């Protein structure tokens, strides 16, 4: 998950970079007939807004830590993510109990060596995603 967050942050930076960096003078591309050219702020203002709706939402309807890619190894999705995102691999004991290992936060560079102190969660909370559908 940590790698996915880094990739997402990198993608966002690459997306926003052309907006922040000066560009060399060049001829503007031709505007199709009838098209309106807007600056970013005006374009964002034209995005339709709607009230969020929580009707029908139940957290229990979403499966969380499933049996992982290999049900026979005893590792659920959380344990698999922790193993995949570790800078230093944890020890995997019987029943996929993880200990040791090292993880580094992409947000603040903090090092964590206890997998119990790490949260593996959604980039967008389930209720917010449901409300915004």
Protein backbone atom coordinates (compact mmCIF):
# COMPACT_ATOMS: atom_id res chain seq x y z
CA UNK A 1 0.00 0.00 0.00
CA UNK A 2 2.82 2.37 0.81
CA UNK A 3 4.24 1.85 -2.70
CA UNK A 4 0.80 2.53 -4.17
CA UNK A 5 0.53 5.77 -2.17
CA UNK A 6 3.94 6.83 -3.46
CA UNK A 7 2.94 6.02 -7.01
CA UNK A 8 -0.29 7.97 -6.56
CA UNK A 9 1.58 10.95 -5.15
CA UNK A 10 4.09 10.81 -8.00
CA UNK A 11 1.26 10.62 -10.55
CA UNK A 12 -0.44 13.62 -8.96
CA UNK A 13 2.82 15.61 -9.04
CA UNK A 14 3.33 14.74 -12.70
CA UNK A 15 -0.24 15.76 -13.44
CA UNK A 16 0.10 19.09 -11.64
CA UNK A 17 3.64 19.91 -12.81
CA UNK A 18 2.55 21.37 -16.16
CA UNK A 19 0.23 23.72 -14.27
CA UNK A 20 3.01 24.97 -12.00
CA UNK A 21 5.96 25.15 -14.36
CA UNK A 22 6.48 27.89 -16.91
CA UNK A 23 6.30 26.68 -20.47
CA UNK A 24 8.20 27.96 -23.44
CA UNK A 25 6.33 30.28 -25.75
CA UNK A 26 4.57 28.24 -28.36
CA UNK A 27 1.56 28.59 -30.52
CA UNK A 28 -1.60 27.58 -28.70
CA UNK A 29 -3.27 24.50 -30.15
CA UNK A 30 -6.25 25.18 -32.31
CA UNK A 31 -9.56 25.26 -30.46
CA UNK A 32 -12.27 23.10 -32.04
CA UNK A 33 -15.16 25.10 -33.44
CA UNK A 34 -17.75 25.81 -30.76
CA UNK A 35 -15.46 24.81 -27.88
CA UNK A 36 -15.03 27.14 -24.95
CA UNK A 37 -11.56 27.61 -23.46
CA UNK A 38 -11.54 28.10 -19.69
CA UNK A 39 -8.86 28.54 -17.11
CA UNK A 40 -8.64 25.78 -14.51
CA UNK A 41 -10.55 27.61 -11.76
CA UNK A 42 -13.47 28.35 -14.10
CA UNK A 43 -13.49 24.79 -15.40
CA UNK A 44 -13.61 23.40 -11.85
CA UNK A 45 -16.55 25.70 -11.10
CA UNK A 46 -18.49 24.01 -13.91
CA UNK A 47 -18.24 20.54 -12.36
CA UNK A 48 -21.75 19.65 -11.23
CA UNK A 49 -22.23 19.31 -7.48
CA UNK A 50 -24.60 16.90 -5.81
CA UNK A 51 -25.43 16.06 -2.23
CA UNK A 52 -23.70 13.01 -0.86
CA UNK A 53 -26.00 10.11 -0.06
CA UNK A 54 -25.27 7.58 2.67
CA UNK A 55 -28.51 5.63 2.07
CA UNK A 56 -27.82 1.92 1.80
CA UNK A 57 -24.27 2.14 3.13
CA UNK A 58 -23.10 -0.54 5.53
CA UNK A 59 -19.44 -1.10 6.36
CA UNK A 60 -20.27 -4.78 6.86
CA UNK A 61 -21.09 -5.00 3.13
CA UNK A 62 -17.39 -4.54 2.32
CA UNK A 63 -15.06 -7.46 2.80
CA UNK A 64 -11.83 -6.48 4.41
CA UNK A 65 -8.92 -8.70 5.21
CA UNK A 66 -9.58 -11.75 3.10
CA UNK A 67 -7.50 -14.89 2.87
CA UNK A 68 -4.95 -13.25 0.59
CA UNK A 69 -3.49 -14.58 -2.62
CA UNK A 70 -2.62 -18.01 -1.20
CA UNK A 71 -5.25 -19.23 1.28
CA UNK A 72 -2.95 -22.09 2.28
CA UNK A 73 -0.20 -19.83 3.73
CA UNK A 74 -2.41 -18.32 6.44
CA UNK A 75 -1.58 -14.73 5.41
CA UNK A 76 -4.48 -12.34 5.00
CA UNK A 77 -4.37 -9.29 2.74
CA UNK A 78 -3.04 -7.04 5.53
CA UNK A 79 -0.10 -9.36 6.18
CA UNK A 80 0.63 -9.63 2.46
CA UNK A 81 0.66 -5.82 2.09
CA UNK A 82 2.97 -5.47 5.09
CA UNK A 83 5.36 -8.03 3.62
CA UNK A 84 5.29 -6.41 0.18
CA UNK A 85 5.85 -2.87 1.50
CA UNK A 86 8.60 -3.69 4.00
CA UNK A 87 12.01 -2.10 3.50
CA UNK A 88 13.42 -4.95 5.60
CA UNK A 89 11.30 -8.11 5.49
CA UNK A 90 9.57 -9.18 8.70
CA UNK A 91 9.87 -12.65 10.17
CA UNK A 92 6.81 -14.72 9.27
CA UNK A 93 5.92 -17.25 11.99
CA UNK A 94 3.20 -19.93 12.05
CA UNK A 95 -0.25 -18.58 11.22
CA UNK A 96 1.45 -15.70 9.36
CA UNK A 97 2.31 -13.86 12.58
CA UNK A 98 4.67 -11.07 11.57
CA UNK A 99 7.44 -9.70 13.76
CA UNK A 100 10.37 -7.42 13.18
CA UNK A 101 10.83 -5.91 9.74
CA UNK A 102 11.14 -2.26 8.84
CA UNK A 103 8.78 0.14 7.10
CA UNK A 104 9.35 3.79 6.19
CA UNK A 105 6.52 6.31 5.98
CA UNK A 106 6.31 8.14 2.67
CA UNK A 107 4.67 11.04 4.47
CA UNK A 108 7.30 11.89 7.05
CA UNK A 109 10.17 9.41 6.65
CA UNK A 110 9.46 7.85 10.06
CA UNK A 111 10.75 4.31 10.47
CA UNK A 112 8.51 1.68 12.07
CA UNK A 113 9.75 -1.76 13.10
CA UNK A 114 6.62 -3.16 14.72
CA UNK A 115 3.96 -4.28 12.22
CA UNK A 116 1.29 -3.97 14.93
CA UNK A 117 1.84 -0.20 14.89
CA UNK A 118 1.02 0.10 11.20
CA UNK A 119 -2.38 0.66 9.65
CA UNK A 120 -3.17 -0.67 6.22
CA UNK A 121 -6.23 1.22 5.13
CA UNK A 122 -8.14 2.73 2.26
CA UNK A 123 -6.89 5.78 0.38
CA UNK A 124 -10.47 7.04 0.59
CA UNK A 125 -12.61 5.91 3.55
CA UNK A 126 -15.36 3.51 2.48
CA UNK A 127 -18.19 5.76 3.71
CA UNK A 128 -16.79 8.75 1.77
CA UNK A 129 -16.46 6.70 -1.41
CA UNK A 130 -20.04 5.45 -0.95
CA UNK A 131 -21.37 8.96 -0.28
CA UNK A 132 -19.62 10.37 -3.33
CA UNK A 133 -20.64 7.74 -5.86
